[in-house]
Amino acid sequence: MKKVVFFGAPDKSHLLLVLGKLLTAMERKVLIVDSTLAQSMQGYLPQVEFGYSLREFEGIDVATGFITPAQLERCLLQAGGETAYDVMLLDTDHTEFVKGRELPGYDKRVWCSNYRRLGMQINANLMQRLCLHEAEGQPLSFYKLITPTLPIAIPESYIDLLLPQQAVRWEEAVFRFPLDERDMSVELDNQHHGRIDIRRLSGVYRRNVLDMLQQLFECDAKTARRAWVRARKRA
């Protein structure tokens, strides 16, 4: 099973659900795990359920309420185990689920940030608690995701100043999602209609998601575009 972890304070629920929908269009069996403190993924599911939950949504299995890997493992054993999935996308903003020695067990790691002052500080503290020095195979590679990006006076390099540079190798590709009213409207509509409809997403959002698909899952541009077309038709 290919495992990708998304770290950081920004809400990335909708983005992960869109990625999951594209992966299912590529005939991959997908598990998305929301291990964030806010549990924002619940906002997209038809019914809010407190506590542990593993549900099918839009052809994706979505696990919510799990703070530690042991909790998830017990639940998955009852549902056929990890081998039932081709891909796991983990969304987390703490270090109870994965840190240190466990980090190399993830095929790709994505660091998610924005320009909110408090969010940047929370992220900096999170990076310190990840105990990167304990991981084998240093430096560990991370992709950078910035959402939303805005035309402000603060340079993107300011984000890096708050993060330790030891034991980290930043990938050349950076995923930048500009603030767009059209994309925000789609996110809200999807929440209230209990679906993931990608048809009205902006061209910039589409290009960024397809780039992520290629970078994180080693598929070519043609395969990524076909997945988008299939996912649109399924909507």
C-alpha atoms as a PDB file:
ATOM      1  CA  MET A   1       0.000   0.000   0.000  1.00  0.00           C
ATOM      2  CA  LYS A   2       1.323   3.424  -0.953  1.00  0.00           C
ATOM      3  CA  LYS A   3       1.140   5.862   1.972  1.00  0.00           C
ATOM      4  CA  VAL A   4       1.230   9.657   1.715  1.00  0.00           C
ATOM      5  CA  VAL A   5       1.071  11.912   4.784  1.00  0.00           C
ATOM      6  CA  PHE A   6      -0.070  15.534   4.753  1.00  0.00           C
ATOM      7  CA  PHE A   7       1.162  17.520   7.762  1.00  0.00           C
ATOM      8  CA  GLY A   8       0.164  20.972   8.930  1.00  0.00           C
ATOM      9  CA  ALA A   9      -2.440  23.391  10.259  1.00  0.00           C
ATOM     10  CA  PRO A  10      -4.384  24.342   7.081  1.00  0.00           C
ATOM     11  CA  ASP A  11      -7.622  22.503   6.291  1.00  0.00           C
ATOM     12  CA  LYS A  12      -6.873  20.128   3.411  1.00  0.00           C
ATOM     13  CA  SER A  13      -9.980  17.916   3.594  1.00  0.00           C
ATOM     14  CA  HIS A  14     -11.492  18.929   0.254  1.00  0.00           C
ATOM     15  CA  LEU A  15      -8.169  18.629  -1.565  1.00  0.00           C
ATOM     16  CA  LEU A  16      -7.601  15.106  -0.222  1.00  0.00           C
ATOM     17  CA  LEU A  17     -11.117  14.072  -1.203  1.00  0.00           C
ATOM     18  CA  VAL A  18     -10.545  15.387  -4.742  1.00  0.00           C
ATOM     19  CA  LEU A  19      -7.256  13.461  -4.928  1.00  0.00           C
ATOM     20  CA  GLY A  20      -9.033  10.385  -3.602  1.00  0.00           C
ATOM     21  CA  LYS A  21     -11.738  10.706  -6.248  1.00  0.00           C
ATOM     22  CA  LEU A  22      -9.111  10.913  -9.010  1.00  0.00           C
ATOM     23  CA  LEU A  23      -7.298   7.877  -7.627  1.00  0.00           C
ATOM     24  CA  THR A  24     -10.526   5.862  -7.580  1.00  0.00           C
ATOM     25  CA  ALA A  25     -11.006   6.905 -11.219  1.00  0.00           C
ATOM     26  CA  MET A  26      -7.606   5.264 -11.796  1.00  0.00           C
ATOM     27  CA  GLU A  27      -9.053   2.064 -10.275  1.00  0.00           C
ATOM     28  CA  ARG A  28      -7.154   2.446  -6.993  1.00  0.00           C
ATOM     29  CA  LYS A  29      -8.736   1.425  -3.713  1.00  0.00           C
ATOM     30  CA  VAL A  30      -8.290   4.489  -1.494  1.00  0.00           C
ATOM     31  CA  LEU A  31      -8.337   5.068   2.266  1.00  0.00           C
ATOM     32  CA  ILE A  32      -8.316   8.647   3.601  1.00  0.00           C
ATOM     33  CA  VAL A  33      -7.554   9.031   7.310  1.00  0.00           C
ATOM     34  CA  ASP A  34      -8.511  12.271   9.060  1.00  0.00           C
ATOM     35  CA  SER A  35      -6.328  12.334  12.158  1.00  0.00           C
ATOM     36  CA  THR A  36      -6.581  16.094  12.670  1.00  0.00           C
ATOM     37  CA  LEU A  37      -7.726  17.708  15.887  1.00  0.00           C
ATOM     38  CA  ALA A  38     -10.536  19.578  14.091  1.00  0.00           C
ATOM     39  CA  GLN A  39     -11.844  16.526  12.168  1.00  0.00           C
ATOM     40  CA  SER A  40     -12.805  18.800   9.244  1.00  0.00           C
ATOM     41  CA  MET A  41     -13.439  15.823   6.960  1.00  0.00           C
ATOM     42  CA  GLN A  42     -16.714  15.328   8.831  1.00  0.00           C
ATOM     43  CA  GLY A  43     -18.009  18.474   7.142  1.00  0.00           C
ATOM     44  CA  TYR A  44     -18.138  16.683   3.779  1.00  0.00           C
ATOM     45  CA  LEU A  45     -19.661  13.400   4.892  1.00  0.00           C
ATOM     46  CA  PRO A  46     -23.453  13.006   4.684  1.00  0.00           C
ATOM     47  CA  GLN A  47     -23.748  12.293   8.406  1.00  0.00           C
ATOM     48  CA  VAL A  48     -21.528  13.508  11.243  1.00  0.00           C
ATOM     49  CA  GLU A  49     -20.436  10.675  13.529  1.00  0.00           C
ATOM     50  CA  PHE A  50     -18.430  11.288  16.676  1.00  0.00           C
ATOM     51  CA  GLY A  51     -15.808   8.779  17.777  1.00  0.00           C
ATOM     52  CA  TYR A  52     -14.119   6.281  15.476  1.00  0.00           C
ATOM     53  CA  SER A  53     -15.711   5.824  12.084  1.00  0.00           C
ATOM     54  CA  LEU A  54     -14.837   4.076   8.807  1.00  0.00           C
ATOM     55  CA  ARG A  55     -17.280   4.878   6.005  1.00  0.00           C
ATOM     56  CA  GLU A  56     -17.503   4.675   2.235  1.00  0.00           C
ATOM     57  CA  PHE A  57     -17.932   8.054   0.551  1.00  0.00           C
ATOM     58  CA  GLU A  58     -17.718   8.730  -3.183  1.00  0.00           C
ATOM     59  CA  GLY A  59     -16.011   5.380  -3.709  1.00  0.00           C
ATOM     60  CA  ILE A  60     -13.398   6.217  -1.037  1.00  0.00           C
ATOM     61  CA  ASP A  61     -13.132   4.731   2.448  1.00  0.00           C
ATOM     62  CA  VAL A  62     -12.882   7.623   4.924  1.00  0.00           C
ATOM     63  CA  ALA A  63     -11.640   7.032   8.470  1.00  0.00           C
ATOM     64  CA  THR A  64     -12.355   9.751  11.049  1.00  0.00           C
ATOM     65  CA  GLY A  65     -11.718  10.121  14.763  1.00  0.00           C
ATOM     66  CA  PHE A  66      -8.451   8.149  14.807  1.00  0.00           C
ATOM     67  CA  ILE A  67      -5.619   9.820  16.722  1.00  0.00           C
ATOM     68  CA  THR A  68      -3.145   6.930  16.852  1.00  0.00           C
ATOM     69  CA  PRO A  69      -2.202   4.226  14.309  1.00  0.00           C
ATOM     70  CA  ALA A  70      -3.149   1.497  16.797  1.00  0.00           C
ATOM     71  CA  GLN A  71      -6.743   2.758  16.845  1.00  0.00           C
ATOM     72  CA  LEU A  72      -6.895   2.671  13.054  1.00  0.00           C
ATOM     73  CA  GLU A  73      -5.261  -0.742  12.853  1.00  0.00           C
ATOM     74  CA  ARG A  74      -7.866  -2.300  15.144  1.00  0.00           C
ATOM     75  CA  CYS A  75     -10.651  -0.875  13.005  1.00  0.00           C
ATOM     76  CA  LEU A  76      -9.060  -1.990   9.728  1.00  0.00           C
ATOM     77  CA  LEU A  77      -8.584  -5.546  10.994  1.00  0.00           C
ATOM     78  CA  GLN A  78     -12.355  -5.838  11.199  1.00  0.00           C
ATOM     79  CA  ALA A  79     -12.679  -4.467   7.637  1.00  0.00           C
ATOM     80  CA  GLY A  80     -10.068  -6.633   5.913  1.00  0.00           C
ATOM     81  CA  GLY A  81      -6.827  -4.926   6.954  1.00  0.00           C
ATOM     82  CA  GLU A  82      -4.482  -2.520   5.171  1.00  0.00           C
ATOM     83  CA  THR A  83      -4.039  -4.943   2.279  1.00  0.00           C
ATOM     84  CA  ALA A  84      -7.546  -4.025   1.129  1.00  0.00           C
ATOM     85  CA  TYR A  85      -6.184  -0.651  -0.063  1.00  0.00           C
ATOM     86  CA  ASP A  86      -3.801   0.524  -2.751  1.00  0.00           C
ATOM     87  CA  VAL A  87      -3.367   4.043  -1.324  1.00  0.00           C
ATOM     88  CA  MET A  88      -3.658   5.663   2.097  1.00  0.00           C
ATOM     89  CA  LEU A  89      -3.807   9.467   2.437  1.00  0.00           C
ATOM     90  CA  LEU A  90      -3.197  10.609   6.013  1.00  0.00           C
ATOM     91  CA  ASP A  91      -4.145  14.129   7.130  1.00  0.00           C
ATOM     92  CA  THR A  92      -2.690  15.108  10.516  1.00  0.00           C
ATOM     93  CA  ASP A  93      -1.728  18.204  12.498  1.00  0.00           C
ATOM     94  CA  HIS A  94      -0.136  16.488  15.513  1.00  0.00           C
ATOM     95  CA  THR A  95       2.518  13.849  16.219  1.00  0.00           C
ATOM     96  CA  GLU A  96       0.469  11.091  17.858  1.00  0.00           C
ATOM     97  CA  PHE A  97      -0.042   9.238  14.580  1.00  0.00           C
ATOM     98  CA  VAL A  98       3.412   9.454  13.001  1.00  0.00           C
ATOM     99  CA  LYS A  99       6.802  10.981  13.832  1.00  0.00           C
ATOM    100  CA  GLY A 100      10.483  10.176  14.026  1.00  0.00           C
ATOM    101  CA  ARG A 101      11.219   6.548  13.174  1.00  0.00           C
ATOM    102  CA  GLU A 102       7.826   6.032  11.506  1.00  0.00           C
ATOM    103  CA  LEU A 103       8.252   8.844   8.968  1.00  0.00           C
ATOM    104  CA  PRO A 104      10.366   6.874   6.454  1.00  0.00           C
ATOM    105  CA  GLY A 105       7.513   4.340   6.278  1.00  0.00           C
ATOM    106  CA  TYR A 106       5.524   6.870   4.248  1.00  0.00           C
ATOM    107  CA  ASP A 107       6.272   6.976   0.536  1.00  0.00           C
ATOM    108  CA  LYS A 108       5.683  10.734   0.280  1.00  0.00           C
ATOM    109  CA  ARG A 109       5.461  13.513   2.862  1.00  0.00           C
ATOM    110  CA  VAL A 110       3.706  16.833   2.183  1.00  0.00           C
ATOM    111  CA  TRP A 111       4.168  19.891   4.398  1.00  0.00           C
ATOM    112  CA  CYS A 112       1.080  22.120   4.267  1.00  0.00           C
ATOM    113  CA  SER A 113       1.221  25.789   5.201  1.00  0.00           C
ATOM    114  CA  ASN A 114      -0.430  29.171   4.673  1.00  0.00           C
ATOM    115  CA  TYR A 115       0.401  32.761   5.577  1.00  0.00           C
ATOM    116  CA  ARG A 116      -1.661  33.033   8.744  1.00  0.00           C
ATOM    117  CA  ARG A 117       0.686  34.046  11.532  1.00  0.00           C
ATOM    118  CA  LEU A 118      -0.724  31.643  14.118  1.00  0.00           C
ATOM    119  CA  GLY A 119      -0.871  28.802  11.588  1.00  0.00           C
ATOM    120  CA  MET A 120       2.785  29.341  10.679  1.00  0.00           C
ATOM    121  CA  GLN A 121       3.783  29.208  14.348  1.00  0.00           C
ATOM    122  CA  ILE A 122       1.719  26.061  14.945  1.00  0.00           C
ATOM    123  CA  ASN A 123       3.411  24.489  11.945  1.00  0.00           C
ATOM    124  CA  ALA A 124       6.868  25.461  13.206  1.00  0.00           C
ATOM    125  CA  ASN A 125       6.122  23.833  16.573  1.00  0.00           C
ATOM    126  CA  LEU A 126       4.789  20.743  14.815  1.00  0.00           C
ATOM    127  CA  MET A 127       7.967  20.393  12.776  1.00  0.00           C
ATOM    128  CA  GLN A 128      10.033  20.511  15.972  1.00  0.00           C
ATOM    129  CA  ARG A 129       7.913  17.767  17.561  1.00  0.00           C
ATOM    130  CA  LEU A 130       8.281  15.459  14.548  1.00  0.00           C
ATOM    131  CA  CYS A 131      11.724  14.405  15.840  1.00  0.00           C
ATOM    132  CA  LEU A 132      13.213  14.239  12.354  1.00  0.00           C
ATOM    133  CA  HIS A 133      16.628  13.431  13.838  1.00  0.00           C
ATOM    134  CA  GLU A 134      15.289   9.990  14.853  1.00  0.00           C
ATOM    135  CA  ALA A 135      14.358   9.008  11.301  1.00  0.00           C
ATOM    136  CA  GLU A 136      16.616   6.753   9.268  1.00  0.00           C
ATOM    137  CA  GLY A 137      17.788   7.835   5.843  1.00  0.00           C
ATOM    138  CA  GLN A 138      18.170  11.523   6.627  1.00  0.00           C
ATOM    139  CA  PRO A 139      17.533  14.011   5.227  1.00  0.00           C
ATOM    140  CA  LEU A 140      13.871  13.144   4.663  1.00  0.00           C
ATOM    141  CA  SER A 141      12.229  14.572   1.561  1.00  0.00           C
ATOM    142  CA  PHE A 142       9.119  16.736   1.863  1.00  0.00           C
ATOM    143  CA  TYR A 143       6.912  18.401  -0.698  1.00  0.00           C
ATOM    144  CA  LYS A 144       5.560  21.834   0.135  1.00  0.00           C
ATOM    145  CA  LEU A 145       1.879  22.733  -0.235  1.00  0.00           C
ATOM    146  CA  ILE A 146       0.765  26.346   0.289  1.00  0.00           C
ATOM    147  CA  THR A 147      -2.974  26.917   0.521  1.00  0.00           C
ATOM    148  CA  PRO A 148      -4.163  29.484  -0.053  1.00  0.00           C
ATOM    149  CA  THR A 149      -1.490  31.567  -1.771  1.00  0.00           C
ATOM    150  CA  LEU A 150      -2.130  35.301  -1.782  1.00  0.00           C
ATOM    151  CA  PRO A 151      -0.481  38.394  -3.301  1.00  0.00           C
ATOM    152  CA  ILE A 152       0.931  39.767  -0.043  1.00  0.00           C
ATOM    153  CA  ALA A 153       4.168  41.511   0.934  1.00  0.00           C
ATOM    154  CA  ILE A 154       5.462  38.517   2.918  1.00  0.00           C
ATOM    155  CA  PRO A 155       7.769  36.419   0.702  1.00  0.00           C
ATOM    156  CA  GLU A 156       7.333  32.663   0.484  1.00  0.00           C
ATOM    157  CA  SER A 157      10.860  32.241   1.841  1.00  0.00           C
ATOM    158  CA  TYR A 158       9.589  33.546   5.209  1.00  0.00           C
ATOM    159  CA  ILE A 159       7.848  30.206   5.746  1.00  0.00           C
ATOM    160  CA  ASP A 160      11.211  28.450   5.490  1.00  0.00           C
ATOM    161  CA  LEU A 161      12.794  30.716   8.106  1.00  0.00           C
ATOM    162  CA  LEU A 162      10.447  29.292  10.739  1.00  0.00           C
ATOM    163  CA  LEU A 163      11.310  25.681   9.909  1.00  0.00           C
ATOM    164  CA  PRO A 164      14.453  23.731  10.786  1.00  0.00           C
ATOM    165  CA  GLN A 165      16.519  22.991   7.707  1.00  0.00           C
ATOM    166  CA  GLN A 166      18.452  20.059   9.173  1.00  0.00           C
ATOM    167  CA  ALA A 167      17.201  16.562   8.328  1.00  0.00           C
ATOM    168  CA  VAL A 168      14.820  17.993   5.689  1.00  0.00           C
ATOM    169  CA  ARG A 169      15.222  17.973   1.919  1.00  0.00           C
ATOM    170  CA  TRP A 170      12.578  20.053   0.145  1.00  0.00           C
ATOM    171  CA  GLU A 171      11.424  18.710  -3.201  1.00  0.00           C
ATOM    172  CA  GLU A 172      11.701  21.097  -6.115  1.00  0.00           C
ATOM    173  CA  ALA A 173       7.974  20.938  -6.879  1.00  0.00           C
ATOM    174  CA  VAL A 174       5.802  23.260  -4.742  1.00  0.00           C
ATOM    175  CA  PHE A 175       2.004  22.995  -4.848  1.00  0.00           C
ATOM    176  CA  ARG A 176       0.413  26.455  -4.675  1.00  0.00           C
ATOM    177  CA  PHE A 177      -3.371  26.903  -4.542  1.00  0.00           C
ATOM    178  CA  PRO A 178      -4.436  30.547  -4.994  1.00  0.00           C
ATOM    179  CA  LEU A 179      -7.441  31.850  -3.088  1.00  0.00           C
ATOM    180  CA  ASP A 180     -10.321  31.653  -5.579  1.00  0.00           C
ATOM    181  CA  GLU A 181     -13.997  32.394  -4.909  1.00  0.00           C
ATOM    182  CA  ARG A 182     -15.052  29.821  -7.488  1.00  0.00           C
ATOM    183  CA  ASP A 183     -13.110  27.046  -5.767  1.00  0.00           C
ATOM    184  CA  MET A 184     -14.404  28.106  -2.350  1.00  0.00           C
ATOM    185  CA  SER A 185     -17.954  27.984  -3.718  1.00  0.00           C
ATOM    186  CA  VAL A 186     -17.405  24.420  -4.972  1.00  0.00           C
ATOM    187  CA  GLU A 187     -16.036  23.350  -1.580  1.00  0.00           C
ATOM    188  CA  LEU A 188     -19.086  24.730   0.243  1.00  0.00           C
ATOM    189  CA  ASP A 189     -21.524  23.213  -2.262  1.00  0.00           C
ATOM    190  CA  ASN A 190     -19.832  19.833  -1.880  1.00  0.00           C
ATOM    191  CA  GLN A 191     -20.108  20.043   1.899  1.00  0.00           C
ATOM    192  CA  HIS A 192     -23.826  20.778   1.885  1.00  0.00           C
ATOM    193  CA  HIS A 193     -24.694  18.318  -0.887  1.00  0.00           C
ATOM    194  CA  GLY A 194     -22.615  15.453   0.552  1.00  0.00           C
ATOM    195  CA  ARG A 195     -20.619  14.859  -2.626  1.00  0.00           C
ATOM    196  CA  ILE A 196     -17.338  15.691  -4.363  1.00  0.00           C
ATOM    197  CA  ASP A 197     -18.252  17.349  -7.649  1.00  0.00           C
ATOM    198  CA  ILE A 198     -15.142  18.648  -9.467  1.00  0.00           C
ATOM    199  CA  ARG A 199     -16.820  20.050 -12.575  1.00  0.00           C
ATOM    200  CA  ARG A 200     -16.810  23.726 -11.562  1.00  0.00           C
ATOM    201  CA  LEU A 201     -13.322  23.868 -10.070  1.00  0.00           C
ATOM    202  CA  SER A 202     -11.052  26.477 -11.639  1.00  0.00           C
ATOM    203  CA  GLY A 203      -8.443  25.669 -14.262  1.00  0.00           C
ATOM    204  CA  VAL A 204      -5.650  26.590 -11.830  1.00  0.00           C
ATOM    205  CA  TYR A 205      -7.026  24.194  -9.195  1.00  0.00           C
ATOM    206  CA  ARG A 206      -7.292  21.454 -11.808  1.00  0.00           C
ATOM    207  CA  ARG A 207      -3.695  21.946 -12.968  1.00  0.00           C
ATOM    208  CA  ASN A 208      -2.395  21.905  -9.401  1.00  0.00           C
ATOM    209  CA  VAL A 209      -4.276  18.734  -8.481  1.00  0.00           C
ATOM    210  CA  LEU A 210      -3.109  16.949 -11.626  1.00  0.00           C
ATOM    211  CA  ASP A 211       0.464  18.016 -10.851  1.00  0.00           C
ATOM    212  CA  MET A 212       0.111  16.558  -7.353  1.00  0.00           C
ATOM    213  CA  LEU A 213      -1.256  13.350  -8.823  1.00  0.00           C
ATOM    214  CA  GLN A 214       1.783  13.015 -11.062  1.00  0.00           C
ATOM    215  CA  GLN A 215       4.353  13.957  -8.413  1.00  0.00           C
ATOM    216  CA  LEU A 216       2.964  11.916  -5.523  1.00  0.00           C
ATOM    217  CA  PHE A 217       1.759   8.839  -7.390  1.00  0.00           C
ATOM    218  CA  GLU A 218       4.224   8.614 -10.278  1.00  0.00           C
ATOM    219  CA  CYS A 219       1.648   8.693 -13.053  1.00  0.00           C
ATOM    220  CA  ASP A 220       2.159  10.482 -16.361  1.00  0.00           C
ATOM    221  CA  ALA A 221       0.262  13.571 -17.504  1.00  0.00           C
ATOM    222  CA  LYS A 222      -1.956  11.606 -19.870  1.00  0.00           C
ATOM    223  CA  THR A 223      -3.066   9.189 -17.137  1.00  0.00           C
ATOM    224  CA  ALA A 224      -3.778  12.104 -14.775  1.00  0.00           C
ATOM    225  CA  ARG A 225      -5.915  13.902 -17.377  1.00  0.00           C
ATOM    226  CA  ARG A 226      -7.877  10.726 -18.096  1.00  0.00           C
ATOM    227  CA  ALA A 227      -8.561  10.339 -14.377  1.00  0.00           C
ATOM    228  CA  TRP A 228      -9.953  13.876 -14.273  1.00  0.00           C
ATOM    229  CA  VAL A 229     -12.247  13.189 -17.236  1.00  0.00           C
ATOM    230  CA  ARG A 230     -13.541   9.966 -15.634  1.00  0.00           C
ATOM    231  CA  ALA A 231     -14.109  11.684 -12.279  1.00  0.00           C
ATOM    232  CA  ARG A 232     -16.027  14.503 -13.979  1.00  0.00           C
ATOM    233  CA  LYS A 233     -18.297  12.028 -15.749  1.00  0.00           C
ATOM    234  CA  ARG A 234     -18.974  10.143 -12.511  1.00  0.00           C
ATOM    235  CA  ALA A 235     -20.206  13.378 -10.930  1.00  0.00           C
END
